[in-house]
Amino acid sequence: YWAPIGGLAASMGFEKYSPEITAAIMAG
């Protein structure tokens, strides 16, 4: 179970990850 993956999405106001958001997360 990966609660932080869902928690981060919820905190940033989106239901699913986009390529742009994913790239920003990995870079930041």
mmCIF file of all heavy atoms, coordinates in Angstrom:
data_MODEL
# 
_entry.id   MODEL 
# 
loop_
_atom_site.group_PDB 
_atom_site.id 
_atom_site.type_symbol 
_atom_site.label_atom_id 
_atom_site.label_alt_id 
_atom_site.label_comp_id 
_atom_site.label_asym_id 
_atom_site.label_entity_id 
_atom_site.label_seq_id 
_atom_site.pdbx_PDB_ins_code 
_atom_site.Cartn_x 
_atom_site.Cartn_y 
_atom_site.Cartn_z 
_atom_site.occupancy 
_atom_site.B_iso_or_equiv 
_atom_site.pdbx_formal_charge 
_atom_site.auth_seq_id 
_atom_site.auth_comp_id 
_atom_site.auth_asym_id 
_atom_site.auth_atom_id 
_atom_site.pdbx_PDB_model_num 
ATOM 1   N N   . TYR A 1 1  ? 0.863   -1.189 0.000   1.00 0.00 ? 1  TYR A N   1 
ATOM 2   C CA  . TYR A 1 1  ? 0.000   0.000  0.000   1.00 0.00 ? 1  TYR A CA  1 
ATOM 3   C C   . TYR A 1 1  ? 0.893   1.229  0.000   1.00 0.00 ? 1  TYR A C   1 
ATOM 4   O O   . TYR A 1 1  ? 1.829   1.323  0.792   1.00 0.00 ? 1  TYR A O   1 
ATOM 5   C CB  . TYR A 1 1  ? -0.879  -0.030 1.257   1.00 0.00 ? 1  TYR A CB  1 
ATOM 6   C CG  . TYR A 1 1  ? -1.953  1.024  1.332   1.00 0.00 ? 1  TYR A CG  1 
ATOM 7   C CD1 . TYR A 1 1  ? -3.057  0.971  0.483   1.00 0.00 ? 1  TYR A CD1 1 
ATOM 8   C CD2 . TYR A 1 1  ? -1.878  2.045  2.277   1.00 0.00 ? 1  TYR A CD2 1 
ATOM 9   C CE1 . TYR A 1 1  ? -4.059  1.930  0.570   1.00 0.00 ? 1  TYR A CE1 1 
ATOM 10  C CE2 . TYR A 1 1  ? -2.877  3.003  2.378   1.00 0.00 ? 1  TYR A CE2 1 
ATOM 11  C CZ  . TYR A 1 1  ? -3.970  2.937  1.522   1.00 0.00 ? 1  TYR A CZ  1 
ATOM 12  O OH  . TYR A 1 1  ? -4.965  3.880  1.609   1.00 0.00 ? 1  TYR A OH  1 
ATOM 13  N N   . TRP A 1 2  ? 0.590   2.171  -0.904  1.00 0.00 ? 2  TRP A N   1 
ATOM 14  C CA  . TRP A 1 2  ? 1.455   3.335  -1.102  1.00 0.00 ? 2  TRP A CA  1 
ATOM 15  C C   . TRP A 1 2  ? 0.704   4.621  -0.753  1.00 0.00 ? 2  TRP A C   1 
ATOM 16  O O   . TRP A 1 2  ? 0.413   5.455  -1.602  1.00 0.00 ? 2  TRP A O   1 
ATOM 17  C CB  . TRP A 1 2  ? 1.930   3.387  -2.553  1.00 0.00 ? 2  TRP A CB  1 
ATOM 18  C CG  . TRP A 1 2  ? 2.814   2.252  -2.957  1.00 0.00 ? 2  TRP A CG  1 
ATOM 19  C CD1 . TRP A 1 2  ? 2.459   0.941  -3.150  1.00 0.00 ? 2  TRP A CD1 1 
ATOM 20  C CD2 . TRP A 1 2  ? 4.211   2.323  -3.222  1.00 0.00 ? 2  TRP A CD2 1 
ATOM 21  N NE1 . TRP A 1 2  ? 3.543   0.194  -3.523  1.00 0.00 ? 2  TRP A NE1 1 
ATOM 22  C CE2 . TRP A 1 2  ? 4.636   1.015  -3.581  1.00 0.00 ? 2  TRP A CE2 1 
ATOM 23  C CE3 . TRP A 1 2  ? 5.148   3.355  -3.219  1.00 0.00 ? 2  TRP A CE3 1 
ATOM 24  C CZ2 . TRP A 1 2  ? 5.955   0.710  -3.915  1.00 0.00 ? 2  TRP A CZ2 1 
ATOM 25  C CZ3 . TRP A 1 2  ? 6.465   3.055  -3.550  1.00 0.00 ? 2  TRP A CZ3 1 
ATOM 26  C CH2 . TRP A 1 2  ? 6.851   1.747  -3.892  1.00 0.00 ? 2  TRP A CH2 1 
ATOM 27  N N   . ALA A 1 3  ? 0.431   4.809  0.537   1.00 0.00 ? 3  ALA A N   1 
ATOM 28  C CA  . ALA A 1 3  ? -0.347  5.973  0.973   1.00 0.00 ? 3  ALA A CA  1 
ATOM 29  C C   . ALA A 1 3  ? 0.274   7.315  0.572   1.00 0.00 ? 3  ALA A C   1 
ATOM 30  O O   . ALA A 1 3  ? -0.446  8.224  0.134   1.00 0.00 ? 3  ALA A O   1 
ATOM 31  C CB  . ALA A 1 3  ? -0.562  5.917  2.481   1.00 0.00 ? 3  ALA A CB  1 
ATOM 32  N N   . PRO A 1 4  ? 1.616   7.521  0.693   1.00 0.00 ? 4  PRO A N   1 
ATOM 33  C CA  . PRO A 1 4  ? 2.180   8.829  0.332   1.00 0.00 ? 4  PRO A CA  1 
ATOM 34  C C   . PRO A 1 4  ? 1.973   9.208  -1.135  1.00 0.00 ? 4  PRO A C   1 
ATOM 35  O O   . PRO A 1 4  ? 1.893   10.396 -1.462  1.00 0.00 ? 4  PRO A O   1 
ATOM 36  C CB  . PRO A 1 4  ? 3.667   8.671  0.655   1.00 0.00 ? 4  PRO A CB  1 
ATOM 37  C CG  . PRO A 1 4  ? 3.705   7.632  1.723   1.00 0.00 ? 4  PRO A CG  1 
ATOM 38  C CD  . PRO A 1 4  ? 2.634   6.662  1.336   1.00 0.00 ? 4  PRO A CD  1 
ATOM 39  N N   . ILE A 1 5  ? 1.898   8.199  -2.022  1.00 0.00 ? 5  ILE A N   1 
ATOM 40  C CA  . ILE A 1 5  ? 1.673   8.505  -3.440  1.00 0.00 ? 5  ILE A CA  1 
ATOM 41  C C   . ILE A 1 5  ? 0.301   9.139  -3.623  1.00 0.00 ? 5  ILE A C   1 
ATOM 42  O O   . ILE A 1 5  ? 0.133   10.113 -4.363  1.00 0.00 ? 5  ILE A O   1 
ATOM 43  C CB  . ILE A 1 5  ? 1.791   7.225  -4.296  1.00 0.00 ? 5  ILE A CB  1 
ATOM 44  C CG1 . ILE A 1 5  ? 3.210   6.646  -4.213  1.00 0.00 ? 5  ILE A CG1 1 
ATOM 45  C CG2 . ILE A 1 5  ? 1.418   7.496  -5.747  1.00 0.00 ? 5  ILE A CG2 1 
ATOM 46  C CD1 . ILE A 1 5  ? 4.283   7.531  -4.785  1.00 0.00 ? 5  ILE A CD1 1 
ATOM 47  N N   . GLY A 1 6  ? -0.694  8.595  -2.931  1.00 0.00 ? 6  GLY A N   1 
ATOM 48  C CA  . GLY A 1 6  ? -2.027  9.189  -2.989  1.00 0.00 ? 6  GLY A CA  1 
ATOM 49  C C   . GLY A 1 6  ? -2.109  10.496 -2.239  1.00 0.00 ? 6  GLY A C   1 
ATOM 50  O O   . GLY A 1 6  ? -2.782  11.438 -2.670  1.00 0.00 ? 6  GLY A O   1 
ATOM 51  N N   . GLY A 1 7  ? -1.406  10.569 -1.099  1.00 0.00 ? 7  GLY A N   1 
ATOM 52  C CA  . GLY A 1 7  ? -1.438  11.786 -0.293  1.00 0.00 ? 7  GLY A CA  1 
ATOM 53  C C   . GLY A 1 7  ? -0.838  12.971 -1.013  1.00 0.00 ? 7  GLY A C   1 
ATOM 54  O O   . GLY A 1 7  ? -1.356  14.092 -0.932  1.00 0.00 ? 7  GLY A O   1 
ATOM 55  N N   . LEU A 1 8  ? 0.245   12.738 -1.735  1.00 0.00 ? 8  LEU A N   1 
ATOM 56  C CA  . LEU A 1 8  ? 0.872   13.820 -2.493  1.00 0.00 ? 8  LEU A CA  1 
ATOM 57  C C   . LEU A 1 8  ? -0.063  14.327 -3.583  1.00 0.00 ? 8  LEU A C   1 
ATOM 58  O O   . LEU A 1 8  ? -0.205  15.537 -3.782  1.00 0.00 ? 8  LEU A O   1 
ATOM 59  C CB  . LEU A 1 8  ? 2.183   13.339 -3.098  1.00 0.00 ? 8  LEU A CB  1 
ATOM 60  C CG  . LEU A 1 8  ? 2.951   14.362 -3.941  1.00 0.00 ? 8  LEU A CG  1 
ATOM 61  C CD1 . LEU A 1 8  ? 3.346   15.568 -3.104  1.00 0.00 ? 8  LEU A CD1 1 
ATOM 62  C CD2 . LEU A 1 8  ? 4.190   13.720 -4.571  1.00 0.00 ? 8  LEU A CD2 1 
ATOM 63  N N   . ALA A 1 9  ? -0.706  13.384 -4.268  1.00 0.00 ? 9  ALA A N   1 
ATOM 64  C CA  . ALA A 1 9  ? -1.650  13.782 -5.320  1.00 0.00 ? 9  ALA A CA  1 
ATOM 65  C C   . ALA A 1 9  ? -2.775  14.626 -4.739  1.00 0.00 ? 9  ALA A C   1 
ATOM 66  O O   . ALA A 1 9  ? -3.134  15.681 -5.283  1.00 0.00 ? 9  ALA A O   1 
ATOM 67  C CB  . ALA A 1 9  ? -2.207  12.536 -6.012  1.00 0.00 ? 9  ALA A CB  1 
ATOM 68  N N   . ALA A 1 10 ? -3.327  14.176 -3.614  1.00 0.00 ? 10 ALA A N   1 
ATOM 69  C CA  . ALA A 1 10 ? -4.430  14.907 -2.992  1.00 0.00 ? 10 ALA A CA  1 
ATOM 70  C C   . ALA A 1 10 ? -3.992  16.295 -2.531  1.00 0.00 ? 10 ALA A C   1 
ATOM 71  O O   . ALA A 1 10 ? -4.717  17.285 -2.702  1.00 0.00 ? 10 ALA A O   1 
ATOM 72  C CB  . ALA A 1 10 ? -4.978  14.106 -1.818  1.00 0.00 ? 10 ALA A CB  1 
ATOM 73  N N   . SER A 1 11 ? -2.786  16.376 -1.964  1.00 0.00 ? 11 SER A N   1 
ATOM 74  C CA  . SER A 1 11 ? -2.300  17.662 -1.463  1.00 0.00 ? 11 SER A CA  1 
ATOM 75  C C   . SER A 1 11 ? -2.060  18.665 -2.580  1.00 0.00 ? 11 SER A C   1 
ATOM 76  O O   . SER A 1 11 ? -2.121  19.878 -2.366  1.00 0.00 ? 11 SER A O   1 
ATOM 77  C CB  . SER A 1 11 ? -0.996  17.454 -0.675  1.00 0.00 ? 11 SER A CB  1 
ATOM 78  O OG  . SER A 1 11 ? 0.079   17.108 -1.534  1.00 0.00 ? 11 SER A OG  1 
ATOM 79  N N   . MET A 1 12 ? -1.788  18.154 -3.798  1.00 0.00 ? 12 MET A N   1 
ATOM 80  C CA  . MET A 1 12 ? -1.536  19.029 -4.935  1.00 0.00 ? 12 MET A CA  1 
ATOM 81  C C   . MET A 1 12 ? -2.783  19.223 -5.800  1.00 0.00 ? 12 MET A C   1 
ATOM 82  O O   . MET A 1 12 ? -2.744  19.904 -6.817  1.00 0.00 ? 12 MET A O   1 
ATOM 83  C CB  . MET A 1 12 ? -0.393  18.469 -5.782  1.00 0.00 ? 12 MET A CB  1 
ATOM 84  C CG  . MET A 1 12 ? 0.932   18.408 -5.026  1.00 0.00 ? 12 MET A CG  1 
ATOM 85  S SD  . MET A 1 12 ? 2.292   17.663 -5.983  1.00 0.00 ? 12 MET A SD  1 
ATOM 86  C CE  . MET A 1 12 ? 2.575   18.927 -7.235  1.00 0.00 ? 12 MET A CE  1 
ATOM 87  N N   . GLY A 1 13 ? -3.882  18.583 -5.393  1.00 0.00 ? 13 GLY A N   1 
ATOM 88  C CA  . GLY A 1 13 ? -5.154  18.826 -6.041  1.00 0.00 ? 13 GLY A CA  1 
ATOM 89  C C   . GLY A 1 13 ? -5.388  18.105 -7.351  1.00 0.00 ? 13 GLY A C   1 
ATOM 90  O O   . GLY A 1 13 ? -6.131  18.590 -8.205  1.00 0.00 ? 13 GLY A O   1 
ATOM 91  N N   . PHE A 1 14 ? -4.768  16.938 -7.545  1.00 0.00 ? 14 PHE A N   1 
ATOM 92  C CA  . PHE A 1 14 ? -5.038  16.178 -8.770  1.00 0.00 ? 14 PHE A CA  1 
ATOM 93  C C   . PHE A 1 14 ? -5.309  14.720 -8.416  1.00 0.00 ? 14 PHE A C   1 
ATOM 94  O O   . PHE A 1 14 ? -4.896  14.223 -7.370  1.00 0.00 ? 14 PHE A O   1 
ATOM 95  C CB  . PHE A 1 14 ? -3.881  16.283 -9.768  1.00 0.00 ? 14 PHE A CB  1 
ATOM 96  C CG  . PHE A 1 14 ? -2.543  15.831 -9.243  1.00 0.00 ? 14 PHE A CG  1 
ATOM 97  C CD1 . PHE A 1 14 ? -2.153  14.490 -9.304  1.00 0.00 ? 14 PHE A CD1 1 
ATOM 98  C CD2 . PHE A 1 14 ? -1.647  16.742 -8.687  1.00 0.00 ? 14 PHE A CD2 1 
ATOM 99  C CE1 . PHE A 1 14 ? -0.933  14.071 -8.823  1.00 0.00 ? 14 PHE A CE1 1 
ATOM 100 C CE2 . PHE A 1 14 ? -0.412  16.329 -8.201  1.00 0.00 ? 14 PHE A CE2 1 
ATOM 101 C CZ  . PHE A 1 14 ? -0.063  14.996 -8.270  1.00 0.00 ? 14 PHE A CZ  1 
ATOM 102 N N   . GLU A 1 15 ? -6.052  14.036 -9.290  1.00 0.00 ? 15 GLU A N   1 
ATOM 103 C CA  . GLU A 1 15 ? -6.421  12.645 -9.048  1.00 0.00 ? 15 GLU A CA  1 
ATOM 104 C C   . GLU A 1 15 ? -5.387  11.676 -9.600  1.00 0.00 ? 15 GLU A C   1 
ATOM 105 O O   . GLU A 1 15 ? -5.196  10.585 -9.052  1.00 0.00 ? 15 GLU A O   1 
ATOM 106 C CB  . GLU A 1 15 ? -7.784  12.341 -9.670  1.00 0.00 ? 15 GLU A CB  1 
ATOM 107 C CG  . GLU A 1 15 ? -8.939  13.084 -9.005  1.00 0.00 ? 15 GLU A CG  1 
ATOM 108 C CD  . GLU A 1 15 ? -10.271 12.681 -9.598  1.00 0.00 ? 15 GLU A CD  1 
ATOM 109 O OE1 . GLU A 1 15 ? -10.300 11.828 -10.507 1.00 0.00 ? 15 GLU A OE1 1 
ATOM 110 O OE2 . GLU A 1 15 ? -11.300 13.223 -9.145  1.00 0.00 ? 15 GLU A OE2 1 
ATOM 111 N N   . LYS A 1 16 ? -4.744  12.049 -10.695 1.00 0.00 ? 16 LYS A N   1 
ATOM 112 C CA  . LYS A 1 16 ? -3.741  11.198 -11.318 1.00 0.00 ? 16 LYS A CA  1 
ATOM 113 C C   . LYS A 1 16 ? -2.504  12.013 -11.649 1.00 0.00 ? 16 LYS A C   1 
ATOM 114 O O   . LYS A 1 16 ? -2.560  13.235 -11.801 1.00 0.00 ? 16 LYS A O   1 
ATOM 115 C CB  . LYS A 1 16 ? -4.295  10.548 -12.594 1.00 0.00 ? 16 LYS A CB  1 
ATOM 116 C CG  . LYS A 1 16 ? -5.357  9.496  -12.338 1.00 0.00 ? 16 LYS A CG  1 
ATOM 117 C CD  . LYS A 1 16 ? -5.698  8.756  -13.631 1.00 0.00 ? 16 LYS A CD  1 
ATOM 118 C CE  . LYS A 1 16 ? -6.643  7.603  -13.366 1.00 0.00 ? 16 LYS A CE  1 
ATOM 119 N NZ  . LYS A 1 16 ? -6.930  6.821  -14.591 1.00 0.00 ? 16 LYS A NZ  1 
ATOM 120 N N   . TYR A 1 17 ? -1.387  11.311 -11.783 1.00 0.00 ? 17 TYR A N   1 
ATOM 121 C CA  . TYR A 1 17 ? -0.127  11.956 -12.120 1.00 0.00 ? 17 TYR A CA  1 
ATOM 122 C C   . TYR A 1 17 ? -0.024  12.143 -13.628 1.00 0.00 ? 17 TYR A C   1 
ATOM 123 O O   . TYR A 1 17 ? -0.347  11.238 -14.402 1.00 0.00 ? 17 TYR A O   1 
ATOM 124 C CB  . TYR A 1 17 ? 1.054   11.109 -11.637 1.00 0.00 ? 17 TYR A CB  1 
ATOM 125 C CG  . TYR A 1 17 ? 1.228   11.129 -10.136 1.00 0.00 ? 17 TYR A CG  1 
ATOM 126 C CD1 . TYR A 1 17 ? 0.512   10.247 -9.328  1.00 0.00 ? 17 TYR A CD1 1 
ATOM 127 C CD2 . TYR A 1 17 ? 2.095   12.032 -9.533  1.00 0.00 ? 17 TYR A CD2 1 
ATOM 128 C CE1 . TYR A 1 17 ? 0.659   10.268 -7.946  1.00 0.00 ? 17 TYR A CE1 1 
ATOM 129 C CE2 . TYR A 1 17 ? 2.249   12.058 -8.159  1.00 0.00 ? 17 TYR A CE2 1 
ATOM 130 C CZ  . TYR A 1 17 ? 1.524   11.172 -7.367  1.00 0.00 ? 17 TYR A CZ  1 
ATOM 131 O OH  . TYR A 1 17 ? 1.670   11.201 -6.003  1.00 0.00 ? 17 TYR A OH  1 
ATOM 132 N N   . SER A 1 18 ? 0.438   13.314 -14.032 1.00 0.00 ? 18 SER A N   1 
ATOM 133 C CA  . SER A 1 18 ? 0.736   13.579 -15.439 1.00 0.00 ? 18 SER A CA  1 
ATOM 134 C C   . SER A 1 18 ? 2.245   13.467 -15.633 1.00 0.00 ? 18 SER A C   1 
ATOM 135 O O   . SER A 1 18 ? 3.008   13.535 -14.665 1.00 0.00 ? 18 SER A O   1 
ATOM 136 C CB  . SER A 1 18 ? 0.285   14.983 -15.822 1.00 0.00 ? 18 SER A CB  1 
ATOM 137 O OG  . SER A 1 18 ? 1.092   15.956 -15.151 1.00 0.00 ? 18 SER A OG  1 
ATOM 138 N N   . PRO A 1 19 ? 2.715   13.307 -16.870 1.00 0.00 ? 19 PRO A N   1 
ATOM 139 C CA  . PRO A 1 19 ? 4.166   13.277 -17.104 1.00 0.00 ? 19 PRO A CA  1 
ATOM 140 C C   . PRO A 1 19 ? 4.872   14.523 -16.592 1.00 0.00 ? 19 PRO A C   1 
ATOM 141 O O   . PRO A 1 19 ? 5.981   14.438 -16.043 1.00 0.00 ? 19 PRO A O   1 
ATOM 142 C CB  . PRO A 1 19 ? 4.271   13.152 -18.626 1.00 0.00 ? 19 PRO A CB  1 
ATOM 143 C CG  . PRO A 1 19 ? 3.016   12.440 -19.021 1.00 0.00 ? 19 PRO A CG  1 
ATOM 144 C CD  . PRO A 1 19 ? 1.958   12.987 -18.095 1.00 0.00 ? 19 PRO A CD  1 
ATOM 145 N N   . GLU A 1 20 ? 4.224   15.685 -16.744 1.00 0.00 ? 20 GLU A N   1 
ATOM 146 C CA  . GLU A 1 20 ? 4.852   16.941 -16.324 1.00 0.00 ? 20 GLU A CA  1 
ATOM 147 C C   . GLU A 1 20 ? 5.007   16.989 -14.808 1.00 0.00 ? 20 GLU A C   1 
ATOM 148 O O   . GLU A 1 20 ? 6.061   17.387 -14.281 1.00 0.00 ? 20 GLU A O   1 
ATOM 149 C CB  . GLU A 1 20 ? 4.005   18.129 -16.796 1.00 0.00 ? 20 GLU A CB  1 
ATOM 150 C CG  . GLU A 1 20 ? 3.937   18.304 -18.296 1.00 0.00 ? 20 GLU A CG  1 
ATOM 151 C CD  . GLU A 1 20 ? 3.024   17.294 -18.989 1.00 0.00 ? 20 GLU A CD  1 
ATOM 152 O OE1 . GLU A 1 20 ? 2.145   16.701 -18.313 1.00 0.00 ? 20 GLU A OE1 1 
ATOM 153 O OE2 . GLU A 1 20 ? 3.206   17.078 -20.209 1.00 0.00 ? 20 GLU A OE2 1 
ATOM 154 N N   . ILE A 1 21 ? 3.962   16.579 -14.091 1.00 0.00 ? 21 ILE A N   1 
ATOM 155 C CA  . ILE A 1 21 ? 4.027   16.575 -12.630 1.00 0.00 ? 21 ILE A CA  1 
ATOM 156 C C   . ILE A 1 21 ? 5.058   15.563 -12.147 1.00 0.00 ? 21 ILE A C   1 
ATOM 157 O O   . ILE A 1 21 ? 5.846   15.833 -11.241 1.00 0.00 ? 21 ILE A O   1 
ATOM 158 C CB  . ILE A 1 21 ? 2.637   16.257 -12.037 1.00 0.00 ? 21 ILE A CB  1 
ATOM 159 C CG1 . ILE A 1 21 ? 1.691   17.437 -12.267 1.00 0.00 ? 21 ILE A CG1 1 
ATOM 160 C CG2 . ILE A 1 21 ? 2.740   15.948 -10.548 1.00 0.00 ? 21 ILE A CG2 1 
ATOM 161 C CD1 . ILE A 1 21 ? 0.258   17.155 -11.906 1.00 0.00 ? 21 ILE A CD1 1 
ATOM 162 N N   . THR A 1 22 ? 5.092   14.404 -12.780 1.00 0.00 ? 22 THR A N   1 
ATOM 163 C CA  . THR A 1 22 ? 6.039   13.361 -12.394 1.00 0.00 ? 22 THR A CA  1 
ATOM 164 C C   . THR A 1 22 ? 7.472   13.829 -12.589 1.00 0.00 ? 22 THR A C   1 
ATOM 165 O O   . THR A 1 22 ? 8.334   13.624 -11.728 1.00 0.00 ? 22 THR A O   1 
ATOM 166 C CB  . THR A 1 22 ? 5.790   12.079 -13.214 1.00 0.00 ? 22 THR A CB  1 
ATOM 167 O OG1 . THR A 1 22 ? 4.439   11.663 -13.027 1.00 0.00 ? 22 THR A OG1 1 
ATOM 168 C CG2 . THR A 1 22 ? 6.726   10.969 -12.780 1.00 0.00 ? 22 THR A CG2 1 
ATOM 169 N N   . ALA A 1 23 ? 7.753   14.470 -13.713 1.00 0.00 ? 23 ALA A N   1 
ATOM 170 C CA  . ALA A 1 23 ? 9.102   14.974 -13.977 1.00 0.00 ? 23 ALA A CA  1 
ATOM 171 C C   . ALA A 1 23 ? 9.501   16.011 -12.934 1.00 0.00 ? 23 ALA A C   1 
ATOM 172 O O   . ALA A 1 23 ? 10.635  16.014 -12.445 1.00 0.00 ? 23 ALA A O   1 
ATOM 173 C CB  . ALA A 1 23 ? 9.169   15.567 -15.379 1.00 0.00 ? 23 ALA A CB  1 
ATOM 174 N N   . ALA A 1 24 ? 8.564   16.878 -12.567 1.00 0.00 ? 24 ALA A N   1 
ATOM 175 C CA  . ALA A 1 24 ? 8.854   17.922 -11.583 1.00 0.00 ? 24 ALA A CA  1 
ATOM 176 C C   . ALA A 1 24 ? 9.134   17.315 -10.209 1.00 0.00 ? 24 ALA A C   1 
ATOM 177 O O   . ALA A 1 24 ? 10.043  17.753 -9.490  1.00 0.00 ? 24 ALA A O   1 
ATOM 178 C CB  . ALA A 1 24 ? 7.680   18.892 -11.499 1.00 0.00 ? 24 ALA A CB  1 
ATOM 179 N N   . ILE A 1 25 ? 8.373   16.292 -9.851  1.00 0.00 ? 25 ILE A N   1 
ATOM 180 C CA  . ILE A 1 25 ? 8.569   15.632 -8.557  1.00 0.00 ? 25 ILE A CA  1 
ATOM 181 C C   . ILE A 1 25 ? 9.938   14.977 -8.497  1.00 0.00 ? 25 ILE A C   1 
ATOM 182 O O   . ILE A 1 25 ? 10.686  15.135 -7.528  1.00 0.00 ? 25 ILE A O   1 
ATOM 183 C CB  . ILE A 1 25 ? 7.457   14.592 -8.315  1.00 0.00 ? 25 ILE A CB  1 
ATOM 184 C CG1 . ILE A 1 25 ? 6.128   15.304 -8.045  1.00 0.00 ? 25 ILE A CG1 1 
ATOM 185 C CG2 . ILE A 1 25 ? 7.825   13.671 -7.144  1.00 0.00 ? 25 ILE A CG2 1 
ATOM 186 C CD1 . ILE A 1 25 ? 4.940   14.380 -8.014  1.00 0.00 ? 25 ILE A CD1 1 
ATOM 187 N N   . MET A 1 26 ? 10.292  14.247 -9.536  1.00 0.00 ? 26 MET A N   1 
ATOM 188 C CA  . MET A 1 26 ? 11.562  13.543 -9.542  1.00 0.00 ? 26 MET A CA  1 
ATOM 189 C C   . MET A 1 26 ? 12.739  14.513 -9.572  1.00 0.00 ? 26 MET A C   1 
ATOM 190 O O   . MET A 1 26 ? 13.800  14.233 -9.019  1.00 0.00 ? 26 MET A O   1 
ATOM 191 C CB  . MET A 1 26 ? 11.645  12.591 -10.732 1.00 0.00 ? 26 MET A CB  1 
ATOM 192 C CG  . MET A 1 26 ? 10.634  11.462 -10.690 1.00 0.00 ? 26 MET A CG  1 
ATOM 193 S SD  . MET A 1 26 ? 10.654  10.527 -9.139  1.00 0.00 ? 26 MET A SD  1 
ATOM 194 C CE  . MET A 1 26 ? 12.299  9.830  -9.170  1.00 0.00 ? 26 MET A CE  1 
ATOM 195 N N   . ALA A 1 27 ? 12.548  15.658 -10.194 1.00 0.00 ? 27 ALA A N   1 
ATOM 196 C CA  . ALA A 1 27 ? 13.626  16.642 -10.271 1.00 0.00 ? 27 ALA A CA  1 
ATOM 197 C C   . ALA A 1 27 ? 13.698  17.506 -9.022  1.00 0.00 ? 27 ALA A C   1 
ATOM 198 O O   . ALA A 1 27 ? 14.713  18.134 -8.750  1.00 0.00 ? 27 ALA A O   1 
ATOM 199 C CB  . ALA A 1 27 ? 13.428  17.534 -11.493 1.00 0.00 ? 27 ALA A CB  1 
ATOM 200 N N   . GLY A 1 28 ? 12.621  17.531 -8.235  1.00 0.00 ? 28 GLY A N   1 
ATOM 201 C CA  . GLY A 1 28 ? 12.555  18.417 -7.089  1.00 0.00 ? 28 GLY A CA  1 
ATOM 202 C C   . GLY A 1 28 ? 12.318  17.724 -5.771  1.00 0.00 ? 28 GLY A C   1 
ATOM 203 O O   . GLY A 1 28 ? 13.252  17.387 -5.037  1.00 0.00 ? 28 GLY A O   1 
# 
